[in-house]
Every structure is written in C-alpha cells, then in structure tokens.
All heavy atoms as atom14 arrays in JSON, in Angstrom:
{
  "sequence": "QADLYCETYTGDTVYVGLHNRAQWEALASEMAEAAP",
  "atom14_mask": [
    [1, 1, 1, 1, 1, 1, 1, 1, 1, 0, 0, 0, 0, 0],
    [1, 1, 1, 1, 1, 0, 0, 0, 0, 0, 0, 0, 0, 0],
    [1, 1, 1, 1, 1, 1, 1, 1, 0, 0, 0, 0, 0, 0],
    [1, 1, 1, 1, 1, 1, 1, 1, 0, 0, 0, 0, 0, 0],
    [1, 1, 1, 1, 1, 1, 1, 1, 1, 1, 1, 1, 0, 0],
    [1, 1, 1, 1, 1, 1, 0, 0, 0, 0, 0, 0, 0, 0],
    [1, 1, 1, 1, 1, 1, 1, 1, 1, 0, 0, 0, 0, 0],
    [1, 1, 1, 1, 1, 1, 1, 0, 0, 0, 0, 0, 0, 0],
    [1, 1, 1, 1, 1, 1, 1, 1, 1, 1, 1, 1, 0, 0],
    [1, 1, 1, 1, 1, 1, 1, 0, 0, 0, 0, 0, 0, 0],
    [1, 1, 1, 1, 0, 0, 0, 0, 0, 0, 0, 0, 0, 0],
    [1, 1, 1, 1, 1, 1, 1, 1, 0, 0, 0, 0, 0, 0],
    [1, 1, 1, 1, 1, 1, 1, 0, 0, 0, 0, 0, 0, 0],
    [1, 1, 1, 1, 1, 1, 1, 0, 0, 0, 0, 0, 0, 0],
    [1, 1, 1, 1, 1, 1, 1, 1, 1, 1, 1, 1, 0, 0],
    [1, 1, 1, 1, 1, 1, 1, 0, 0, 0, 0, 0, 0, 0],
    [1, 1, 1, 1, 0, 0, 0, 0, 0, 0, 0, 0, 0, 0],
    [1, 1, 1, 1, 1, 1, 1, 1, 0, 0, 0, 0, 0, 0],
    [1, 1, 1, 1, 1, 1, 1, 1, 1, 1, 0, 0, 0, 0],
    [1, 1, 1, 1, 1, 1, 1, 1, 0, 0, 0, 0, 0, 0],
    [1, 1, 1, 1, 1, 1, 1, 1, 1, 1, 1, 0, 0, 0],
    [1, 1, 1, 1, 1, 0, 0, 0, 0, 0, 0, 0, 0, 0],
    [1, 1, 1, 1, 1, 1, 1, 1, 1, 0, 0, 0, 0, 0],
    [1, 1, 1, 1, 1, 1, 1, 1, 1, 1, 1, 1, 1, 1],
    [1, 1, 1, 1, 1, 1, 1, 1, 1, 0, 0, 0, 0, 0],
    [1, 1, 1, 1, 1, 0, 0, 0, 0, 0, 0, 0, 0, 0],
    [1, 1, 1, 1, 1, 1, 1, 1, 0, 0, 0, 0, 0, 0],
    [1, 1, 1, 1, 1, 0, 0, 0, 0, 0, 0, 0, 0, 0],
    [1, 1, 1, 1, 1, 1, 0, 0, 0, 0, 0, 0, 0, 0],
    [1, 1, 1, 1, 1, 1, 1, 1, 1, 0, 0, 0, 0, 0],
    [1, 1, 1, 1, 1, 1, 1, 1, 0, 0, 0, 0, 0, 0],
    [1, 1, 1, 1, 1, 0, 0, 0, 0, 0, 0, 0, 0, 0],
    [1, 1, 1, 1, 1, 1, 1, 1, 1, 0, 0, 0, 0, 0],
    [1, 1, 1, 1, 1, 0, 0, 0, 0, 0, 0, 0, 0, 0],
    [1, 1, 1, 1, 1, 0, 0, 0, 0, 0, 0, 0, 0, 0],
    [1, 1, 1, 1, 1, 1, 1, 0, 0, 0, 0, 0, 0, 0]
  ],
  "atom14_positions": [
    [[36.12, -0.31, -51.98], [35.54, -1.34, -52.84], [35.34, -0.86, -54.25], [34.55, 0.06, -54.47], [34.19, -1.81, -52.28], [34.23, -2.23, -50.8], [35.36, -3.22, -50.42], [35.38, -4.3, -50.99], [36.13, -2.85, -49.46], [0.0, 0.0, 0.0], [0.0, 0.0, 0.0], [0.0, 0.0, 0.0], [0.0, 0.0, 0.0], [0.0, 0.0, 0.0]],
    [[36.08, -1.38, -55.2], [36.06, -0.84, -56.57], [34.68, -1.08, -57.24], [34.4, -0.42, -58.2], [37.16, -1.49, -57.39], [0.0, 0.0, 0.0], [0.0, 0.0, 0.0], [0.0, 0.0, 0.0], [0.0, 0.0, 0.0], [0.0, 0.0, 0.0], [0.0, 0.0, 0.0], [0.0, 0.0, 0.0], [0.0, 0.0, 0.0], [0.0, 0.0, 0.0]],
    [[33.91, -2.1, -56.71], [32.69, -2.4, -57.44], [31.46, -1.77, -56.72], [30.31, -2.11, -56.98], [32.46, -3.9, -57.58], [32.54, -4.64, -56.27], [33.01, -3.97, -55.28], [32.2, -5.75, -56.19], [0.0, 0.0, 0.0], [0.0, 0.0, 0.0], [0.0, 0.0, 0.0], [0.0, 0.0, 0.0], [0.0, 0.0, 0.0], [0.0, 0.0, 0.0]],
    [[31.71, -0.81, -55.82], [30.56, -0.19, -55.14], [30.58, 1.29, -55.51], [31.61, 1.97, -55.33], [30.63, -0.34, -53.63], [30.52, -1.75, -53.08], [30.57, -1.73, -51.55], [29.21, -2.47, -53.53], [0.0, 0.0, 0.0], [0.0, 0.0, 0.0], [0.0, 0.0, 0.0], [0.0, 0.0, 0.0], [0.0, 0.0, 0.0], [0.0, 0.0, 0.0]],
    [[29.46, 1.79, -55.95], [29.29, 3.25, -56.28], [28.53, 3.87, -55.09], [27.49, 3.4, -54.66], [28.49, 3.38, -57.56], [28.08, 4.81, -57.87], [28.9, 5.69, -58.52], [26.75, 5.2, -57.54], [28.48, 6.95, -58.8], [26.38, 6.49, -57.87], [27.24, 7.38, -58.46], [26.77, 8.63, -58.8], [0.0, 0.0, 0.0], [0.0, 0.0, 0.0]],
    [[29.02, 4.95, -54.56], [28.46, 5.58, -53.36], [28.15, 6.99, -53.57], [28.97, 7.8, -54.07], [29.42, 5.42, -52.16], [28.8, 6.1, -50.63], [0.0, 0.0, 0.0], [0.0, 0.0, 0.0], [0.0, 0.0, 0.0], [0.0, 0.0, 0.0], [0.0, 0.0, 0.0], [0.0, 0.0, 0.0], [0.0, 0.0, 0.0], [0.0, 0.0, 0.0]],
    [[26.96, 7.45, -53.22], [26.49, 8.85, -53.22], [26.28, 9.33, -51.8], [25.65, 8.57, -51.06], [25.26, 9.05, -54.05], [25.41, 8.77, -55.53], [24.21, 9.0, -56.32], [23.16, 8.99, -55.79], [24.34, 9.01, -57.57], [0.0, 0.0, 0.0], [0.0, 0.0, 0.0], [0.0, 0.0, 0.0], [0.0, 0.0, 0.0], [0.0, 0.0, 0.0]],
    [[26.74, 10.47, -51.41], [26.51, 11.08, -50.13], [25.64, 12.27, -50.23], [25.99, 13.27, -50.98], [27.89, 11.48, -49.5], [28.71, 10.29, -49.41], [27.72, 12.06, -48.11], [0.0, 0.0, 0.0], [0.0, 0.0, 0.0], [0.0, 0.0, 0.0], [0.0, 0.0, 0.0], [0.0, 0.0, 0.0], [0.0, 0.0, 0.0], [0.0, 0.0, 0.0]],
    [[24.49, 12.26, -49.53], [23.54, 13.33, -49.68], [23.62, 14.26, -48.49], [23.42, 13.82, -47.35], [22.08, 12.72, -49.71], [21.76, 12.0, -51.02], [22.38, 10.76, -51.31], [20.87, 12.52, -51.95], [22.05, 10.1, -52.45], [20.61, 11.85, -53.16], [21.19, 10.64, -53.4], [20.87, 9.94, -54.57], [0.0, 0.0, 0.0], [0.0, 0.0, 0.0]],
    [[23.92, 15.52, -48.74], [23.99, 16.5, -47.68], [22.99, 17.65, -48.01], [23.36, 18.71, -48.56], [25.42, 17.18, -47.56], [25.7, 17.81, -48.77], [26.42, 16.06, -47.33], [0.0, 0.0, 0.0], [0.0, 0.0, 0.0], [0.0, 0.0, 0.0], [0.0, 0.0, 0.0], [0.0, 0.0, 0.0], [0.0, 0.0, 0.0], [0.0, 0.0, 0.0]],
    [[21.73, 17.33, -47.72], [20.65, 18.37, -48.12], [20.46, 18.3, -49.56], [20.09, 17.27, -50.15], [0.0, 0.0, 0.0], [0.0, 0.0, 0.0], [0.0, 0.0, 0.0], [0.0, 0.0, 0.0], [0.0, 0.0, 0.0], [0.0, 0.0, 0.0], [0.0, 0.0, 0.0], [0.0, 0.0, 0.0], [0.0, 0.0, 0.0], [0.0, 0.0, 0.0]],
    [[20.66, 19.43, -50.31], [20.49, 19.53, -51.71], [21.69, 19.24, -52.53], [21.68, 19.36, -53.77], [19.92, 20.86, -52.09], [18.4, 20.93, -52.04], [17.81, 19.83, -51.91], [17.86, 22.06, -52.23], [0.0, 0.0, 0.0], [0.0, 0.0, 0.0], [0.0, 0.0, 0.0], [0.0, 0.0, 0.0], [0.0, 0.0, 0.0], [0.0, 0.0, 0.0]],
    [[22.82, 18.79, -51.96], [24.0, 18.47, -52.64], [24.28, 17.02, -52.49], [24.28, 16.46, -51.44], [25.21, 19.32, -52.21], [24.9, 20.67, -52.22], [26.45, 19.01, -53.0], [0.0, 0.0, 0.0], [0.0, 0.0, 0.0], [0.0, 0.0, 0.0], [0.0, 0.0, 0.0], [0.0, 0.0, 0.0], [0.0, 0.0, 0.0], [0.0, 0.0, 0.0]],
    [[24.51, 16.34, -53.64], [24.89, 14.92, -53.73], [26.37, 14.81, -54.14], [26.7, 15.25, -55.25], [23.98, 14.2, -54.67], [24.28, 12.69, -54.59], [22.51, 14.44, -54.38], [0.0, 0.0, 0.0], [0.0, 0.0, 0.0], [0.0, 0.0, 0.0], [0.0, 0.0, 0.0], [0.0, 0.0, 0.0], [0.0, 0.0, 0.0], [0.0, 0.0, 0.0]],
    [[27.17, 14.29, -53.27], [28.64, 14.14, -53.55], [28.98, 12.76, -53.97], [28.55, 11.75, -53.43], [29.43, 14.5, -52.33], [29.32, 16.05, -51.98], [28.45, 16.46, -50.98], [30.16, 16.96, -52.58], [28.38, 17.81, -50.6], [30.06, 18.28, -52.27], [29.2, 18.72, -51.31], [29.1, 20.07, -50.91], [0.0, 0.0, 0.0], [0.0, 0.0, 0.0]],
    [[29.93, 12.73, -54.96], [30.42, 11.46, -55.41], [31.95, 11.66, -55.62], [32.39, 12.68, -56.16], [29.83, 11.01, -56.78], [30.54, 9.76, -57.32], [28.33, 10.71, -56.6], [0.0, 0.0, 0.0], [0.0, 0.0, 0.0], [0.0, 0.0, 0.0], [0.0, 0.0, 0.0], [0.0, 0.0, 0.0], [0.0, 0.0, 0.0], [0.0, 0.0, 0.0]],
    [[32.8, 10.69, -55.22], [34.17, 10.77, -55.45], [34.49, 10.5, -56.96], [33.86, 9.71, -57.61], [0.0, 0.0, 0.0], [0.0, 0.0, 0.0], [0.0, 0.0, 0.0], [0.0, 0.0, 0.0], [0.0, 0.0, 0.0], [0.0, 0.0, 0.0], [0.0, 0.0, 0.0], [0.0, 0.0, 0.0], [0.0, 0.0, 0.0], [0.0, 0.0, 0.0]],
    [[35.42, 11.28, -57.48], [35.66, 11.17, -58.96], [36.08, 9.7, -59.32], [35.76, 9.29, -60.47], [36.78, 12.09, -59.3], [36.32, 13.54, -59.61], [37.62, 14.46, -59.8], [35.45, 13.62, -60.82], [0.0, 0.0, 0.0], [0.0, 0.0, 0.0], [0.0, 0.0, 0.0], [0.0, 0.0, 0.0], [0.0, 0.0, 0.0], [0.0, 0.0, 0.0]],
    [[36.78, 9.02, -58.45], [37.13, 7.61, -58.78], [35.89, 6.75, -59.07], [35.94, 5.88, -59.94], [38.0, 7.08, -57.68], [37.17, 6.72, -56.45], [36.71, 7.76, -55.58], [36.77, 5.59, -55.92], [36.07, 7.15, -54.63], [36.1, 5.84, -54.73], [0.0, 0.0, 0.0], [0.0, 0.0, 0.0], [0.0, 0.0, 0.0], [0.0, 0.0, 0.0]],
    [[34.79, 7.02, -58.31], [33.62, 6.22, -58.47], [32.99, 6.5, -59.89], [32.58, 5.47, -60.58], [32.55, 6.64, -57.47], [32.37, 5.64, -56.35], [31.58, 5.88, -55.48], [33.15, 4.57, -56.39], [0.0, 0.0, 0.0], [0.0, 0.0, 0.0], [0.0, 0.0, 0.0], [0.0, 0.0, 0.0], [0.0, 0.0, 0.0], [0.0, 0.0, 0.0]],
    [[32.94, 7.65, -60.34], [32.39, 7.96, -61.67], [33.17, 7.23, -62.75], [32.6, 6.58, -63.63], [32.34, 9.43, -61.96], [31.87, 9.84, -63.41], [30.41, 10.1, -63.41], [29.89, 10.1, -64.81], [28.75, 10.83, -65.11], [28.06, 11.35, -64.22], [28.36, 10.76, -66.33], [0.0, 0.0, 0.0], [0.0, 0.0, 0.0], [0.0, 0.0, 0.0]],
    [[34.53, 7.28, -62.65], [35.33, 6.71, -63.68], [35.15, 5.17, -63.68], [35.09, 4.58, -64.74], [36.83, 7.08, -63.42], [0.0, 0.0, 0.0], [0.0, 0.0, 0.0], [0.0, 0.0, 0.0], [0.0, 0.0, 0.0], [0.0, 0.0, 0.0], [0.0, 0.0, 0.0], [0.0, 0.0, 0.0], [0.0, 0.0, 0.0], [0.0, 0.0, 0.0]],
    [[35.1, 4.62, -62.51], [34.93, 3.14, -62.4], [33.64, 2.75, -63.06], [33.6, 1.73, -63.85], [34.97, 2.73, -60.92], [36.29, 2.83, -60.22], [36.11, 2.72, -58.74], [35.04, 2.68, -58.2], [37.24, 2.52, -58.08], [0.0, 0.0, 0.0], [0.0, 0.0, 0.0], [0.0, 0.0, 0.0], [0.0, 0.0, 0.0], [0.0, 0.0, 0.0]],
    [[32.54, 3.43, -62.76], [31.23, 2.98, -63.25], [31.08, 3.23, -64.74], [30.42, 2.47, -65.49], [30.18, 3.67, -62.39], [30.01, 2.94, -61.18], [30.63, 3.12, -60.03], [29.18, 1.79, -60.93], [30.36, 2.17, -59.09], [29.46, 1.33, -59.62], [28.32, 1.08, -61.71], [28.85, 0.24, -59.06], [27.72, -0.02, -61.2], [27.97, -0.46, -59.85]],
    [[31.61, 4.32, -65.28], [31.52, 4.58, -66.71], [32.35, 3.48, -67.48], [31.91, 3.09, -68.53], [32.0, 6.03, -67.03], [30.97, 7.1, -66.6], [31.48, 8.42, -67.03], [32.64, 8.72, -67.18], [30.57, 9.33, -67.17], [0.0, 0.0, 0.0], [0.0, 0.0, 0.0], [0.0, 0.0, 0.0], [0.0, 0.0, 0.0], [0.0, 0.0, 0.0]],
    [[33.49, 3.18, -66.9], [34.33, 2.1, -67.55], [33.54, 0.75, -67.55], [33.56, 0.06, -68.56], [35.6, 1.91, -66.82], [0.0, 0.0, 0.0], [0.0, 0.0, 0.0], [0.0, 0.0, 0.0], [0.0, 0.0, 0.0], [0.0, 0.0, 0.0], [0.0, 0.0, 0.0], [0.0, 0.0, 0.0], [0.0, 0.0, 0.0], [0.0, 0.0, 0.0]],
    [[32.91, 0.45, -66.47], [32.15, -0.79, -66.36], [30.98, -0.82, -67.37], [30.78, -1.77, -68.12], [31.56, -0.92, -64.93], [30.64, -2.15, -64.69], [31.43, -3.4, -64.87], [30.01, -2.1, -63.32], [0.0, 0.0, 0.0], [0.0, 0.0, 0.0], [0.0, 0.0, 0.0], [0.0, 0.0, 0.0], [0.0, 0.0, 0.0], [0.0, 0.0, 0.0]],
    [[30.28, 0.3, -67.48], [29.14, 0.43, -68.44], [29.65, 0.24, -69.82], [29.04, -0.44, -70.67], [28.45, 1.69, -68.27], [0.0, 0.0, 0.0], [0.0, 0.0, 0.0], [0.0, 0.0, 0.0], [0.0, 0.0, 0.0], [0.0, 0.0, 0.0], [0.0, 0.0, 0.0], [0.0, 0.0, 0.0], [0.0, 0.0, 0.0], [0.0, 0.0, 0.0]],
    [[30.75, 0.84, -70.12], [31.34, 0.77, -71.48], [31.78, -0.66, -71.84], [31.48, -1.19, -72.87], [32.52, 1.7, -71.65], [33.1, 1.62, -72.92], [0.0, 0.0, 0.0], [0.0, 0.0, 0.0], [0.0, 0.0, 0.0], [0.0, 0.0, 0.0], [0.0, 0.0, 0.0], [0.0, 0.0, 0.0], [0.0, 0.0, 0.0], [0.0, 0.0, 0.0]],
    [[32.47, -1.29, -70.89], [32.96, -2.64, -71.12], [31.87, -3.67, -71.32], [31.95, -4.65, -72.08], [33.83, -3.08, -69.97], [35.15, -2.37, -69.78], [35.84, -2.62, -68.46], [35.38, -3.53, -67.76], [36.86, -1.98, -68.16], [0.0, 0.0, 0.0], [0.0, 0.0, 0.0], [0.0, 0.0, 0.0], [0.0, 0.0, 0.0], [0.0, 0.0, 0.0]],
    [[30.76, -3.47, -70.65], [29.66, -4.42, -70.66], [28.48, -4.04, -71.55], [27.43, -4.71, -71.53], [29.18, -4.76, -69.22], [30.25, -5.21, -68.28], [29.6, -5.62, -66.67], [28.7, -7.12, -67.04], [0.0, 0.0, 0.0], [0.0, 0.0, 0.0], [0.0, 0.0, 0.0], [0.0, 0.0, 0.0], [0.0, 0.0, 0.0], [0.0, 0.0, 0.0]],
    [[28.64, -2.96, -72.29], [27.53, -2.44, -73.1], [26.91, -3.44, -74.04], [25.75, -3.57, -74.23], [27.97, -1.2, -73.87], [0.0, 0.0, 0.0], [0.0, 0.0, 0.0], [0.0, 0.0, 0.0], [0.0, 0.0, 0.0], [0.0, 0.0, 0.0], [0.0, 0.0, 0.0], [0.0, 0.0, 0.0], [0.0, 0.0, 0.0], [0.0, 0.0, 0.0]],
    [[27.8, -4.31, -74.65], [27.29, -5.3, -75.66], [26.94, -6.59, -74.99], [25.86, -7.15, -75.28], [28.4, -5.48, -76.71], [28.63, -4.35, -77.64], [29.58, -4.68, -78.76], [29.89, -5.89, -78.91], [30.1, -3.74, -79.47], [0.0, 0.0, 0.0], [0.0, 0.0, 0.0], [0.0, 0.0, 0.0], [0.0, 0.0, 0.0], [0.0, 0.0, 0.0]],
    [[27.73, -7.05, -74.04], [27.44, -8.26, -73.4], [26.27, -8.2, -72.44], [25.46, -9.14, -72.34], [28.66, -8.81, -72.62], [0.0, 0.0, 0.0], [0.0, 0.0, 0.0], [0.0, 0.0, 0.0], [0.0, 0.0, 0.0], [0.0, 0.0, 0.0], [0.0, 0.0, 0.0], [0.0, 0.0, 0.0], [0.0, 0.0, 0.0], [0.0, 0.0, 0.0]],
    [[26.11, -7.04, -71.81], [24.99, -6.94, -70.81], [24.51, -5.45, -70.89], [24.81, -4.63, -70.08], [25.47, -7.24, -69.36], [0.0, 0.0, 0.0], [0.0, 0.0, 0.0], [0.0, 0.0, 0.0], [0.0, 0.0, 0.0], [0.0, 0.0, 0.0], [0.0, 0.0, 0.0], [0.0, 0.0, 0.0], [0.0, 0.0, 0.0], [0.0, 0.0, 0.0]],
    [[23.65, -5.12, -71.87], [23.15, -3.79, -72.07], [22.39, -3.26, -70.9], [22.33, -2.07, -70.68], [22.28, -3.9, -73.35], [22.0, -5.36, -73.47], [23.14, -6.09, -72.95], [0.0, 0.0, 0.0], [0.0, 0.0, 0.0], [0.0, 0.0, 0.0], [0.0, 0.0, 0.0], [0.0, 0.0, 0.0], [0.0, 0.0, 0.0], [0.0, 0.0, 0.0]]
  ]
}
C-alpha cells in the first residue's frame, strides 16, 4: 500500500523500508502549501 507508512519495532531498533521514507517525504513536500 503506497499510502501506508509502517514501522517495525524489534526491541530498541525501529525498522522502515526505504521505499516508505521516500513516499512520505514526497507526500509532505507535495502537500506542504495546500495542507501544511
């Protein structure tokens, strides 16, 4: 799901797939003015 960001917690390490970070940063950038 391209619109879901997921974090996996394994004790003290939190893992995220690189594709998730890219998707969410792009979303934040695109909507920064319209929806801060």
